[in-house]
Structures are given as structure tokens and as C-alpha cells.
Amino acid sequence: MANPTELQLHQASKVLEVSFDDGSRFELPCEYLRVHSPSAEVKGHGPGQEVLQVNKEDVNITRIEPTGNYAVRLYFDDGHHTGLYTWEYLYELGANQDAYWAKYLDALAAAGYKRRG
């Protein structure tokens, strides 16, 4: 597994930039990170229990707290901060960003929600 080399929050553009030692670099929008939080609030407690997150277009990260050498806790300005984003999960989110985002947009549409912006 790749190890992180840099983590940089761009609050103005609401993007978390993550670089890894295999040369990968991902620009992960705060909204994307928030709607894909690894927390039970979002993921549920098992398959099929996911909770669709809506109205997160303007969410931003206010604080990043390291958790050991394996993860960070992201504090969002909507009060959410219960998910631990492991380096492995951040890499997965980056590597699959296009597919995961498309799936999220499809889920919003299926639920009758329209994103702002």
C-alpha cells in the first residue's frame, strides 16, 4: 500500500490534496469527502444501510486531526467529524473518484434530489 507524503487543505477552493509515495496525487473536494465519510452515520452499520447525504455542496473542512500513523479525522463545518479516513481509504477515494462521484450523482437523481452548483 502507498504511504502518504503530503496532505494539504485548500480551504478557498474546498479541496483536500493528498500525495502518496507511489507518485499518486489526488485532489478531493470537501463535498466528495463528506458524502463518502466512512462514519456509521453515512455508511450505516452494514450493506444496504447507507444514508444518502444531501445539501453538502458548500461544506468545507475546518480541521484535520491525525490519528496514529494510519488515518486522519476530518472536521467539517456542518458539524460532522465522526469518520476516520485511513490512508488506504483516502487512496481508494482518489483512485475511484470518477466512478464514486457518478454513483453518488445517480443516487441523488434516483432519490429526487438536485445538486446546487
PDB file of N, CA and C in Angstrom:
ATOM      1  N   MET A   1       0.830  -1.185   0.000  1.00  0.00           N
ATOM      2  CA  MET A   1       0.000   0.000   0.000  1.00  0.00           C
ATOM      3  C   MET A   1       0.876   1.251   0.000  1.00  0.00           C
ATOM      4  N   ALA A   2       0.429   2.272  -0.683  1.00  0.00           N
ATOM      5  CA  ALA A   2       1.165   3.532  -0.752  1.00  0.00           C
ATOM      6  C   ALA A   2       1.009   4.297   0.564  1.00  0.00           C
ATOM      7  N   ASN A   3       2.046   5.010   0.919  1.00  0.00           N
ATOM      8  CA  ASN A   3       2.039   5.829   2.128  1.00  0.00           C
ATOM      9  C   ASN A   3       1.892   7.293   1.751  1.00  0.00           C
ATOM     10  N   PRO A   4       1.201   8.069   2.587  1.00  0.00           N
ATOM     11  CA  PRO A   4       1.016   9.487   2.278  1.00  0.00           C
ATOM     12  C   PRO A   4       2.323  10.253   2.456  1.00  0.00           C
ATOM     13  N   THR A   5       2.537  11.222   1.599  1.00  0.00           N
ATOM     14  CA  THR A   5       3.713  12.077   1.719  1.00  0.00           C
ATOM     15  C   THR A   5       3.320  13.516   2.008  1.00  0.00           C
ATOM     16  N   GLU A   6       2.098  13.894   1.626  1.00  0.00           N
ATOM     17  CA  GLU A   6       1.651  15.266   1.852  1.00  0.00           C
ATOM     18  C   GLU A   6       0.129  15.307   1.916  1.00  0.00           C
ATOM     19  N   LEU A   7      -0.345  16.154   2.808  1.00  0.00           N
ATOM     20  CA  LEU A   7      -1.781  16.385   2.969  1.00  0.00           C
ATOM     21  C   LEU A   7      -1.949  17.890   3.079  1.00  0.00           C
ATOM     22  N   GLN A   8      -2.655  18.483   2.127  1.00  0.00           N
ATOM     23  CA  GLN A   8      -2.773  19.929   2.109  1.00  0.00           C
ATOM     24  C   GLN A   8      -4.227  20.328   1.861  1.00  0.00           C
ATOM     25  N   LEU A   9      -4.760  21.134   2.769  1.00  0.00           N
ATOM     26  CA  LEU A   9      -6.123  21.615   2.633  1.00  0.00           C
ATOM     27  C   LEU A   9      -6.117  22.975   1.956  1.00  0.00           C
ATOM     28  N   HIS A  10      -6.910  23.087   0.905  1.00  0.00           N
ATOM     29  CA  HIS A  10      -7.098  24.357   0.200  1.00  0.00           C
ATOM     30  C   HIS A  10      -8.510  24.830   0.539  1.00  0.00           C
ATOM     31  N   GLN A  11      -8.641  25.591   1.625  1.00  0.00           N
ATOM     32  CA  GLN A  11      -9.980  25.967   2.090  1.00  0.00           C
ATOM     33  C   GLN A  11     -10.711  26.855   1.100  1.00  0.00           C
ATOM     34  N   ALA A  12     -10.019  27.730   0.416  1.00  0.00           N
ATOM     35  CA  ALA A  12     -10.685  28.641  -0.520  1.00  0.00           C
ATOM     36  C   ALA A  12     -11.387  27.867  -1.632  1.00  0.00           C
ATOM     37  N   SER A  13     -10.719  26.829  -2.146  1.00  0.00           N
ATOM     38  CA  SER A  13     -11.317  26.036  -3.222  1.00  0.00           C
ATOM     39  C   SER A  13     -12.014  24.782  -2.700  1.00  0.00           C
ATOM     40  N   LYS A  14     -11.977  24.579  -1.373  1.00  0.00           N
ATOM     41  CA  LYS A  14     -12.641  23.439  -0.731  1.00  0.00           C
ATOM     42  C   LYS A  14     -12.149  22.105  -1.292  1.00  0.00           C
ATOM     43  N   VAL A  15     -10.831  21.952  -1.316  1.00  0.00           N
ATOM     44  CA  VAL A  15     -10.198  20.742  -1.850  1.00  0.00           C
ATOM     45  C   VAL A  15      -9.118  20.275  -0.883  1.00  0.00           C
ATOM     46  N   LEU A  16      -9.088  18.967  -0.652  1.00  0.00           N
ATOM     47  CA  LEU A  16      -8.011  18.354   0.120  1.00  0.00           C
ATOM     48  C   LEU A  16      -7.103  17.638  -0.865  1.00  0.00           C
ATOM     49  N   GLU A  17      -5.846  18.046  -0.881  1.00  0.00           N
ATOM     50  CA  GLU A  17      -4.871  17.448  -1.790  1.00  0.00           C
ATOM     51  C   GLU A  17      -4.058  16.419  -1.008  1.00  0.00           C
ATOM     52  N   VAL A  18      -4.000  15.203  -1.537  1.00  0.00           N
ATOM     53  CA  VAL A  18      -3.284  14.120  -0.879  1.00  0.00           C
ATOM     54  C   VAL A  18      -2.286  13.521  -1.871  1.00  0.00           C
ATOM     55  N   SER A  19      -1.034  13.438  -1.438  1.00  0.00           N
ATOM     56  CA  SER A  19       0.009  12.837  -2.272  1.00  0.00           C
ATOM     57  C   SER A  19       0.540  11.580  -1.589  1.00  0.00           C
ATOM     58  N   PHE A  20       0.921  10.605  -2.402  1.00  0.00           N
ATOM     59  CA  PHE A  20       1.416   9.330  -1.892  1.00  0.00           C
ATOM     60  C   PHE A  20       2.788   9.027  -2.472  1.00  0.00           C
ATOM     61  N   ASP A  21       3.511   8.134  -1.791  1.00  0.00           N
ATOM     62  CA  ASP A  21       4.884   7.832  -2.192  1.00  0.00           C
ATOM     63  C   ASP A  21       5.001   7.013  -3.476  1.00  0.00           C
ATOM     64  N   ASP A  22       3.870   6.592  -4.039  1.00  0.00           N
ATOM     65  CA  ASP A  22       3.933   5.907  -5.331  1.00  0.00           C
ATOM     66  C   ASP A  22       3.784   6.894  -6.489  1.00  0.00           C
ATOM     67  N   GLY A  23       3.740   8.202  -6.143  1.00  0.00           N
ATOM     68  CA  GLY A  23       3.602   9.241  -7.163  1.00  0.00           C
ATOM     69  C   GLY A  23       2.168   9.687  -7.388  1.00  0.00           C
ATOM     70  N   SER A  24       1.209   9.006  -6.787  1.00  0.00           N
ATOM     71  CA  SER A  24      -0.194   9.390  -6.943  1.00  0.00           C
ATOM     72  C   SER A  24      -0.471  10.684  -6.188  1.00  0.00           C
ATOM     73  N   ARG A  25      -1.309  11.521  -6.780  1.00  0.00           N
ATOM     74  CA  ARG A  25      -1.739  12.761  -6.138  1.00  0.00           C
ATOM     75  C   ARG A  25      -3.206  12.957  -6.470  1.00  0.00           C
ATOM     76  N   PHE A  26      -3.997  13.176  -5.448  1.00  0.00           N
ATOM     77  CA  PHE A  26      -5.439  13.317  -5.642  1.00  0.00           C
ATOM     78  C   PHE A  26      -5.911  14.648  -5.080  1.00  0.00           C
ATOM     79  N   GLU A  27      -6.814  15.290  -5.798  1.00  0.00           N
ATOM     80  CA  GLU A  27      -7.473  16.498  -5.330  1.00  0.00           C
ATOM     81  C   GLU A  27      -8.915  16.109  -5.029  1.00  0.00           C
ATOM     82  N   LEU A  28      -9.222  16.031  -3.741  1.00  0.00           N
ATOM     83  CA  LEU A  28     -10.518  15.524  -3.300  1.00  0.00           C
ATOM     84  C   LEU A  28     -11.372  16.668  -2.762  1.00  0.00           C
ATOM     85  N   PRO A  29     -12.456  17.020  -3.466  1.00  0.00           N
ATOM     86  CA  PRO A  29     -13.327  18.093  -2.986  1.00  0.00           C
ATOM     87  C   PRO A  29     -13.929  17.755  -1.615  1.00  0.00           C
ATOM     88  N   CYS A  30     -14.098  18.760  -0.789  1.00  0.00           N
ATOM     89  CA  CYS A  30     -14.663  18.544   0.542  1.00  0.00           C
ATOM     90  C   CYS A  30     -16.043  17.889   0.466  1.00  0.00           C
ATOM     91  N   GLU A  31     -16.856  18.313  -0.491  1.00  0.00           N
ATOM     92  CA  GLU A  31     -18.176  17.702  -0.647  1.00  0.00           C
ATOM     93  C   GLU A  31     -18.049  16.204  -0.901  1.00  0.00           C
ATOM     94  N   TYR A  32     -17.155  15.827  -1.781  1.00  0.00           N
ATOM     95  CA  TYR A  32     -16.919  14.414  -2.096  1.00  0.00           C
ATOM     96  C   TYR A  32     -16.506  13.637  -0.845  1.00  0.00           C
ATOM     97  N   LEU A  33     -15.576  14.203  -0.079  1.00  0.00           N
ATOM     98  CA  LEU A  33     -15.129  13.544   1.150  1.00  0.00           C
ATOM     99  C   LEU A  33     -16.267  13.429   2.162  1.00  0.00           C
ATOM    100  N   ARG A  34     -17.082  14.469   2.257  1.00  0.00           N
ATOM    101  CA  ARG A  34     -18.171  14.464   3.235  1.00  0.00           C
ATOM    102  C   ARG A  34     -19.229  13.421   2.893  1.00  0.00           C
ATOM    103  N   VAL A  35     -19.618  13.340   1.630  1.00  0.00           N
ATOM    104  CA  VAL A  35     -20.683  12.395   1.257  1.00  0.00           C
ATOM    105  C   VAL A  35     -20.183  10.959   1.232  1.00  0.00           C
ATOM    106  N   HIS A  36     -18.860  10.775   1.244  1.00  0.00           N
ATOM    107  CA  HIS A  36     -18.272   9.435   1.303  1.00  0.00           C
ATOM    108  C   HIS A  36     -17.595   9.179   2.648  1.00  0.00           C
ATOM    109  N   SER A  37     -18.058   9.860   3.680  1.00  0.00           N
ATOM    110  CA  SER A  37     -17.472   9.671   5.006  1.00  0.00           C
ATOM    111  C   SER A  37     -17.555   8.205   5.412  1.00  0.00           C
ATOM    112  N   PRO A  38     -16.488   7.691   6.034  1.00  0.00           N
ATOM    113  CA  PRO A  38     -16.509   6.290   6.486  1.00  0.00           C
ATOM    114  C   PRO A  38     -17.280   6.101   7.791  1.00  0.00           C
ATOM    115  N   SER A  39     -17.966   7.122   8.260  1.00  0.00           N
ATOM    116  CA  SER A  39     -18.694   7.039   9.531  1.00  0.00           C
ATOM    117  C   SER A  39     -19.941   6.170   9.420  1.00  0.00           C
ATOM    118  N   ALA A  40     -20.401   5.671  10.545  1.00  0.00           N
ATOM    119  CA  ALA A  40     -21.641   4.888  10.582  1.00  0.00           C
ATOM    120  C   ALA A  40     -22.831   5.754  10.187  1.00  0.00           C
ATOM    121  N   GLU A  41     -22.745   7.056  10.468  1.00  0.00           N
ATOM    122  CA  GLU A  41     -23.817   7.980  10.107  1.00  0.00           C
ATOM    123  C   GLU A  41     -24.073   7.972   8.596  1.00  0.00           C
ATOM    124  N   VAL A  42     -23.018   7.761   7.823  1.00  0.00           N
ATOM    125  CA  VAL A  42     -23.116   7.764   6.364  1.00  0.00           C
ATOM    126  C   VAL A  42     -23.181   6.341   5.822  1.00  0.00           C
ATOM    127  N   LYS A  43     -22.266   5.493   6.265  1.00  0.00           N
ATOM    128  CA  LYS A  43     -22.163   4.123   5.753  1.00  0.00           C
ATOM    129  C   LYS A  43     -23.224   3.185   6.313  1.00  0.00           C
ATOM    130  N   GLY A  44     -23.807   3.532   7.469  1.00  0.00           N
ATOM    131  CA  GLY A  44     -24.721   2.615   8.131  1.00  0.00           C
ATOM    132  C   GLY A  44     -23.913   1.558   8.864  1.00  0.00           C
ATOM    133  N   HIS A  45     -24.621   0.568   9.370  1.00  0.00           N
ATOM    134  CA  HIS A  45     -23.950  -0.486  10.133  1.00  0.00           C
ATOM    135  C   HIS A  45     -23.854  -1.794   9.352  1.00  0.00           C
ATOM    136  N   GLY A  46     -24.093  -1.720   8.050  1.00  0.00           N
ATOM    137  CA  GLY A  46     -23.987  -2.899   7.210  1.00  0.00           C
ATOM    138  C   GLY A  46     -24.429  -2.573   5.800  1.00  0.00           C
ATOM    139  N   PRO A  47     -24.222  -3.508   4.877  1.00  0.00           N
ATOM    140  CA  PRO A  47     -24.606  -3.288   3.482  1.00  0.00           C
ATOM    141  C   PRO A  47     -26.090  -2.939   3.365  1.00  0.00           C
ATOM    142  N   GLY A  48     -26.373  -1.956   2.518  1.00  0.00           N
ATOM    143  CA  GLY A  48     -27.747  -1.551   2.284  1.00  0.00           C
ATOM    144  C   GLY A  48     -28.271  -0.554   3.305  1.00  0.00           C
ATOM    145  N   GLN A  49     -27.452  -0.183   4.286  1.00  0.00           N
ATOM    146  CA  GLN A  49     -27.882   0.766   5.308  1.00  0.00           C
ATOM    147  C   GLN A  49     -27.265   2.158   5.117  1.00  0.00           C
ATOM    148  N   GLU A  50     -26.676   2.385   3.959  1.00  0.00           N
ATOM    149  CA  GLU A  50     -26.056   3.669   3.686  1.00  0.00           C
ATOM    150  C   GLU A  50     -27.110   4.773   3.739  1.00  0.00           C
ATOM    151  N   VAL A  51     -26.695   5.959   4.181  1.00  0.00           N
ATOM    152  CA  VAL A  51     -27.587   7.112   4.265  1.00  0.00           C
ATOM    153  C   VAL A  51     -27.107   8.147   3.254  1.00  0.00           C
ATOM    154  N   LEU A  52     -27.954   8.429   2.268  1.00  0.00           N
ATOM    155  CA  LEU A  52     -27.607   9.382   1.222  1.00  0.00           C
ATOM    156  C   LEU A  52     -27.451  10.773   1.831  1.00  0.00           C
ATOM    157  N   GLN A  53     -26.314  11.385   1.603  1.00  0.00           N
ATOM    158  CA  GLN A  53     -26.023  12.717   2.123  1.00  0.00           C
ATOM    159  C   GLN A  53     -26.421  13.748   1.070  1.00  0.00           C
ATOM    160  N   VAL A  54     -27.224  14.725   1.477  1.00  0.00           N
ATOM    161  CA  VAL A  54     -27.689  15.755   0.552  1.00  0.00           C
ATOM    162  C   VAL A  54     -27.360  17.141   1.097  1.00  0.00           C
ATOM    163  N   ASN A  55     -27.391  18.114   0.198  1.00  0.00           N
ATOM    164  CA  ASN A  55     -27.136  19.517   0.550  1.00  0.00           C
ATOM    165  C   ASN A  55     -25.754  19.723   1.173  1.00  0.00           C
ATOM    166  N   LYS A  56     -24.747  19.084   0.610  1.00  0.00           N
ATOM    167  CA  LYS A  56     -23.377  19.213   1.120  1.00  0.00           C
ATOM    168  C   LYS A  56     -22.478  19.966   0.135  1.00  0.00           C
ATOM    169  N   GLU A  57     -23.090  20.647  -0.842  1.00  0.00           N
ATOM    170  CA  GLU A  57     -22.315  21.324  -1.888  1.00  0.00           C
ATOM    171  C   GLU A  57     -21.338  22.360  -1.336  1.00  0.00           C
ATOM    172  N   ASP A  58     -21.699  23.030  -0.250  1.00  0.00           N
ATOM    173  CA  ASP A  58     -20.875  24.122   0.272  1.00  0.00           C
ATOM    174  C   ASP A  58     -20.039  23.735   1.484  1.00  0.00           C
ATOM    175  N   VAL A  59     -20.029  22.450   1.840  1.00  0.00           N
ATOM    176  CA  VAL A  59     -19.306  22.021   3.046  1.00  0.00           C
ATOM    177  C   VAL A  59     -17.801  22.215   2.872  1.00  0.00           C
ATOM    178  N   ASN A  60     -17.155  22.539   3.988  1.00  0.00           N
ATOM    179  CA  ASN A  60     -15.708  22.717   3.964  1.00  0.00           C
ATOM    180  C   ASN A  60     -15.113  21.997   5.167  1.00  0.00           C
ATOM    181  N   ILE A  61     -13.835  21.762   5.117  1.00  0.00           N
ATOM    182  CA  ILE A  61     -13.120  21.147   6.231  1.00  0.00           C
ATOM    183  C   ILE A  61     -12.524  22.278   7.073  1.00  0.00           C
ATOM    184  N   THR A  62     -12.746  22.207   8.374  1.00  0.00           N
ATOM    185  CA  THR A  62     -12.235  23.246   9.261  1.00  0.00           C
ATOM    186  C   THR A  62     -10.984  22.801  10.015  1.00  0.00           C
ATOM    187  N   ARG A  63     -10.812  21.490  10.158  1.00  0.00           N
ATOM    188  CA  ARG A  63      -9.673  20.979  10.913  1.00  0.00           C
ATOM    189  C   ARG A  63      -9.360  19.557  10.485  1.00  0.00           C
ATOM    190  N   ILE A  64      -8.078  19.211  10.520  1.00  0.00           N
ATOM    191  CA  ILE A  64      -7.621  17.856  10.233  1.00  0.00           C
ATOM    192  C   ILE A  64      -6.830  17.387  11.445  1.00  0.00           C
ATOM    193  N   GLU A  65      -7.227  16.260  11.989  1.00  0.00           N
ATOM    194  CA  GLU A  65      -6.576  15.737  13.195  1.00  0.00           C
ATOM    195  C   GLU A  65      -5.962  14.374  12.895  1.00  0.00           C
ATOM    196  N   PRO A  66      -4.642  14.247  12.988  1.00  0.00           N
ATOM    197  CA  PRO A  66      -4.006  12.938  12.776  1.00  0.00           C
ATOM    198  C   PRO A  66      -4.476  11.927  13.816  1.00  0.00           C
ATOM    199  N   THR A  67      -4.632  10.689  13.389  1.00  0.00           N
ATOM    200  CA  THR A  67      -4.993   9.591  14.286  1.00  0.00           C
ATOM    201  C   THR A  67      -3.951   8.499  14.078  1.00  0.00           C
ATOM    202  N   GLY A  68      -2.990   8.448  14.991  1.00  0.00           N
ATOM    203  CA  GLY A  68      -1.902   7.493  14.825  1.00  0.00           C
ATOM    204  C   GLY A  68      -1.180   7.754  13.521  1.00  0.00           C
ATOM    205  N   ASN A  69      -0.629   6.700  12.945  1.00  0.00           N
ATOM    206  CA  ASN A  69       0.062   6.802  11.663  1.00  0.00           C
ATOM    207  C   ASN A  69      -0.773   6.261  10.519  1.00  0.00           C
ATOM    208  N   TYR A  70      -2.060   6.029  10.770  1.00  0.00           N
ATOM    209  CA  TYR A  70      -2.863   5.332   9.762  1.00  0.00           C
ATOM    210  C   TYR A  70      -4.067   6.107   9.250  1.00  0.00           C
ATOM    211  N   ALA A  71      -4.425   7.232   9.879  1.00  0.00           N
ATOM    212  CA  ALA A  71      -5.664   7.901   9.488  1.00  0.00           C
ATOM    213  C   ALA A  71      -5.666   9.358   9.925  1.00  0.00           C
ATOM    214  N   VAL A  72      -6.683  10.080   9.431  1.00  0.00           N
ATOM    215  CA  VAL A  72      -6.972  11.436   9.894  1.00  0.00           C
ATOM    216  C   VAL A  72      -8.474  11.541  10.149  1.00  0.00           C
ATOM    217  N   ARG A  73      -8.812  12.387  11.106  1.00  0.00           N
ATOM    218  CA  ARG A  73     -10.213  12.731  11.346  1.00  0.00           C
ATOM    219  C   ARG A  73     -10.416  14.101  10.712  1.00  0.00           C
ATOM    220  N   LEU A  74     -11.419  14.194   9.851  1.00  0.00           N
ATOM    221  CA  LEU A  74     -11.720  15.452   9.183  1.00  0.00           C
ATOM    222  C   LEU A  74     -12.901  16.101   9.892  1.00  0.00           C
ATOM    223  N   TYR A  75     -12.745  17.355  10.233  1.00  0.00           N
ATOM    224  CA  TYR A  75     -13.816  18.130  10.866  1.00  0.00           C
ATOM    225  C   TYR A  75     -14.440  19.019   9.797  1.00  0.00           C
ATOM    226  N   PHE A  76     -15.721  18.802   9.551  1.00  0.00           N
ATOM    227  CA  PHE A  76     -16.438  19.563   8.532  1.00  0.00           C
ATOM    228  C   PHE A  76     -17.237  20.685   9.194  1.00  0.00           C
ATOM    229  N   ASP A  77     -17.464  21.754   8.455  1.00  0.00           N
ATOM    230  CA  ASP A  77     -18.154  22.896   9.041  1.00  0.00           C
ATOM    231  C   ASP A  77     -19.658  22.686   9.228  1.00  0.00           C
ATOM    232  N   ASP A  78     -20.167  21.512   8.844  1.00  0.00           N
ATOM    233  CA  ASP A  78     -21.568  21.186   9.143  1.00  0.00           C
ATOM    234  C   ASP A  78     -21.668  20.399  10.450  1.00  0.00           C
ATOM    235  N   GLY A  79     -20.540  20.272  11.172  1.00  0.00           N
ATOM    236  CA  GLY A  79     -20.526  19.599  12.460  1.00  0.00           C
ATOM    237  C   GLY A  79     -20.112  18.137  12.406  1.00  0.00           C
ATOM    238  N   HIS A  80     -20.005  17.574  11.210  1.00  0.00           N
ATOM    239  CA  HIS A  80     -19.646  16.158  11.081  1.00  0.00           C
ATOM    240  C   HIS A  80     -18.151  15.965  11.331  1.00  0.00           C
ATOM    241  N   HIS A  81     -17.805  14.958  12.160  1.00  0.00           N
ATOM    242  CA  HIS A  81     -16.389  14.644  12.391  1.00  0.00           C
ATOM    243  C   HIS A  81     -16.207  13.233  12.954  1.00  0.00           C
ATOM    244  N   THR A  82     -17.146  12.343  12.685  1.00  0.00           N
ATOM    245  CA  THR A  82     -17.057  11.016  13.287  1.00  0.00           C
ATOM    246  C   THR A  82     -16.357   9.974  12.422  1.00  0.00           C
ATOM    247  N   GLY A  83     -16.034  10.292  11.200  1.00  0.00           N
ATOM    248  CA  GLY A  83     -15.383   9.302  10.342  1.00  0.00           C
ATOM    249  C   GLY A  83     -13.872   9.389  10.407  1.00  0.00           C
ATOM    250  N   LEU A  84     -13.221   8.237  10.483  1.00  0.00           N
ATOM    251  CA  LEU A  84     -11.765   8.182  10.394  1.00  0.00           C
ATOM    252  C   LEU A  84     -11.382   7.803   8.966  1.00  0.00           C
ATOM    253  N   TYR A  85     -10.683   8.688   8.309  1.00  0.00           N
ATOM    254  CA  TYR A  85     -10.255   8.464   6.933  1.00  0.00           C
ATOM    255  C   TYR A  85      -8.859   7.852   6.972  1.00  0.00           C
ATOM    256  N   THR A  86      -8.785   6.540   6.779  1.00  0.00           N
ATOM    257  CA  THR A  86      -7.477   5.895   6.745  1.00  0.00           C
ATOM    258  C   THR A  86      -6.771   6.305   5.459  1.00  0.00           C
ATOM    259  N   TRP A  87      -5.457   6.165   5.462  1.00  0.00           N
ATOM    260  CA  TRP A  87      -4.707   6.473   4.239  1.00  0.00           C
ATOM    261  C   TRP A  87      -5.179   5.581   3.103  1.00  0.00           C
ATOM    262  N   GLU A  88      -5.460   4.326   3.427  1.00  0.00           N
ATOM    263  CA  GLU A  88      -5.942   3.386   2.410  1.00  0.00           C
ATOM    264  C   GLU A  88      -7.275   3.855   1.820  1.00  0.00           C
ATOM    265  N   TYR A  89      -8.176   4.350   2.693  1.00  0.00           N
ATOM    266  CA  TYR A  89      -9.477   4.813   2.207  1.00  0.00           C
ATOM    267  C   TYR A  89      -9.328   6.090   1.378  1.00  0.00           C
ATOM    268  N   LEU A  90      -8.466   7.010   1.802  1.00  0.00           N
ATOM    269  CA  LEU A  90      -8.248   8.223   1.006  1.00  0.00           C
ATOM    270  C   LEU A  90      -7.684   7.869  -0.365  1.00  0.00           C
ATOM    271  N   TYR A  91      -6.788   6.891  -0.406  1.00  0.00           N
ATOM    272  CA  TYR A  91      -6.236   6.449  -1.690  1.00  0.00           C
ATOM    273  C   TYR A  91      -7.348   5.855  -2.558  1.00  0.00           C
ATOM    274  N   GLU A  92      -8.188   5.022  -1.936  1.00  0.00           N
ATOM    275  CA  GLU A  92      -9.317   4.417  -2.663  1.00  0.00           C
ATOM    276  C   GLU A  92     -10.254   5.493  -3.207  1.00  0.00           C
ATOM    277  N   LEU A  93     -10.557   6.496  -2.384  1.00  0.00           N
ATOM    278  CA  LEU A  93     -11.428   7.586  -2.834  1.00  0.00           C
ATOM    279  C   LEU A  93     -10.812   8.330  -4.011  1.00  0.00           C
ATOM    280  N   GLY A  94      -9.491   8.535  -3.957  1.00  0.00           N
ATOM    281  CA  GLY A  94      -8.820   9.214  -5.059  1.00  0.00           C
ATOM    282  C   GLY A  94      -8.785   8.381  -6.325  1.00  0.00           C
ATOM    283  N   ALA A  95      -8.423   7.127  -6.179  1.00  0.00           N
ATOM    284  CA  ALA A  95      -8.287   6.242  -7.341  1.00  0.00           C
ATOM    285  C   ALA A  95      -9.621   5.970  -8.025  1.00  0.00           C
ATOM    286  N   ASN A  96     -10.710   6.043  -7.279  1.00  0.00           N
ATOM    287  CA  ASN A  96     -12.041   5.727  -7.822  1.00  0.00           C
ATOM    288  C   ASN A  96     -12.959   6.939  -7.875  1.00  0.00           C
ATOM    289  N   GLN A  97     -12.366   8.125  -7.846  1.00  0.00           N
ATOM    290  CA  GLN A  97     -13.163   9.343  -7.713  1.00  0.00           C
ATOM    291  C   GLN A  97     -14.237   9.490  -8.788  1.00  0.00           C
ATOM    292  N   ASP A  98     -13.886   9.295 -10.035  1.00  0.00           N
ATOM    293  CA  ASP A  98     -14.871   9.478 -11.106  1.00  0.00           C
ATOM    294  C   ASP A  98     -16.048   8.515 -10.955  1.00  0.00           C
ATOM    295  N   ALA A  99     -15.764   7.257 -10.707  1.00  0.00           N
ATOM    296  CA  ALA A  99     -16.825   6.246 -10.578  1.00  0.00           C
ATOM    297  C   ALA A  99     -17.669   6.486  -9.330  1.00  0.00           C
ATOM    298  N   TYR A 100     -17.027   6.774  -8.194  1.00  0.00           N
ATOM    299  CA  TYR A 100     -17.771   7.001  -6.951  1.00  0.00           C
ATOM    300  C   TYR A 100     -18.645   8.247  -7.049  1.00  0.00           C
ATOM    301  N   TRP A 101     -18.126   9.305  -7.697  1.00  0.00           N
ATOM    302  CA  TRP A 101     -18.893  10.538  -7.829  1.00  0.00           C
ATOM    303  C   TRP A 101     -20.098  10.300  -8.744  1.00  0.00           C
ATOM    304  N   ALA A 102     -19.893   9.584  -9.835  1.00  0.00           N
ATOM    305  CA  ALA A 102     -21.002   9.281 -10.748  1.00  0.00           C
ATOM    306  C   ALA A 102     -22.083   8.467 -10.027  1.00  0.00           C
ATOM    307  N   LYS A 103     -21.671   7.516  -9.221  1.00  0.00           N
ATOM    308  CA  LYS A 103     -22.622   6.700  -8.463  1.00  0.00           C
ATOM    309  C   LYS A 103     -23.404   7.562  -7.474  1.00  0.00           C
ATOM    310  N   TYR A 104     -22.725   8.504  -6.825  1.00  0.00           N
ATOM    311  CA  TYR A 104     -23.384   9.417  -5.895  1.00  0.00           C
ATOM    312  C   TYR A 104     -24.409  10.284  -6.632  1.00  0.00           C
ATOM    313  N   LEU A 105     -24.022  10.846  -7.782  1.00  0.00           N
ATOM    314  CA  LEU A 105     -24.949  11.675  -8.558  1.00  0.00           C
ATOM    315  C   LEU A 105     -26.157  10.863  -9.014  1.00  0.00           C
ATOM    316  N   ASP A 106     -25.937   9.621  -9.395  1.00  0.00           N
ATOM    317  CA  ASP A 106     -27.050   8.736  -9.783  1.00  0.00           C
ATOM    318  C   ASP A 106     -27.981   8.490  -8.601  1.00  0.00           C
ATOM    319  N   ALA A 107     -27.408   8.283  -7.408  1.00  0.00           N
ATOM    320  CA  ALA A 107     -28.224   8.052  -6.212  1.00  0.00           C
ATOM    321  C   ALA A 107     -29.032   9.292  -5.867  1.00  0.00           C
ATOM    322  N   LEU A 108     -28.430  10.472  -6.008  1.00  0.00           N
ATOM    323  CA  LEU A 108     -29.175  11.719  -5.771  1.00  0.00           C
ATOM    324  C   LEU A 108     -30.350  11.819  -6.724  1.00  0.00           C
ATOM    325  N   ALA A 109     -30.089  11.581  -8.001  1.00  0.00           N
ATOM    326  CA  ALA A 109     -31.147  11.677  -9.011  1.00  0.00           C
ATOM    327  C   ALA A 109     -32.258  10.676  -8.730  1.00  0.00           C
ATOM    328  N   ALA A 110     -31.890   9.459  -8.372  1.00  0.00           N
ATOM    329  CA  ALA A 110     -32.883   8.416  -8.090  1.00  0.00           C
ATOM    330  C   ALA A 110     -33.741   8.798  -6.890  1.00  0.00           C
ATOM    331  N   ALA A 111     -33.166   9.542  -5.943  1.00  0.00           N
ATOM    332  CA  ALA A 111     -33.900   9.950  -4.747  1.00  0.00           C
ATOM    333  C   ALA A 111     -34.662  11.267  -4.973  1.00  0.00           C
ATOM    334  N   GLY A 112     -34.512  11.843  -6.163  1.00  0.00           N
ATOM    335  CA  GLY A 112     -35.234  13.060  -6.479  1.00  0.00           C
ATOM    336  C   GLY A 112     -34.561  14.337  -6.016  1.00  0.00           C
ATOM    337  N   TYR A 113     -33.282  14.273  -5.686  1.00  0.00           N
ATOM    338  CA  TYR A 113     -32.559  15.459  -5.247  1.00  0.00           C
ATOM    339  C   TYR A 113     -31.796  16.063  -6.417  1.00  0.00           C
ATOM    340  N   LYS A 114     -31.693  17.368  -6.422  1.00  0.00           N
ATOM    341  CA  LYS A 114     -30.910  18.063  -7.430  1.00  0.00           C
ATOM    342  C   LYS A 114     -29.820  18.851  -6.729  1.00  0.00           C
ATOM    343  N   ARG A 115     -28.568  18.609  -7.112  1.00  0.00           N
ATOM    344  CA  ARG A 115     -27.443  19.332  -6.538  1.00  0.00           C
ATOM    345  C   ARG A 115     -27.470  20.792  -6.937  1.00  0.00           C
ATOM    346  N   ARG A 116     -27.087  21.649  -5.997  1.00  0.00           N
ATOM    347  CA  ARG A 116     -26.875  23.073  -6.329  1.00  0.00           C
ATOM    348  C   ARG A 116     -25.463  23.201  -6.871  1.00  0.00           C
ATOM    349  N   GLY A 117     -25.310  23.990  -7.912  1.00  0.00           N
ATOM    350  CA  GLY A 117     -23.945  24.268  -8.388  1.00  0.00           C
ATOM    351  C   GLY A 117     -23.393  23.328  -9.364  1.00  0.00           C
TER     352      GLY A 117
END
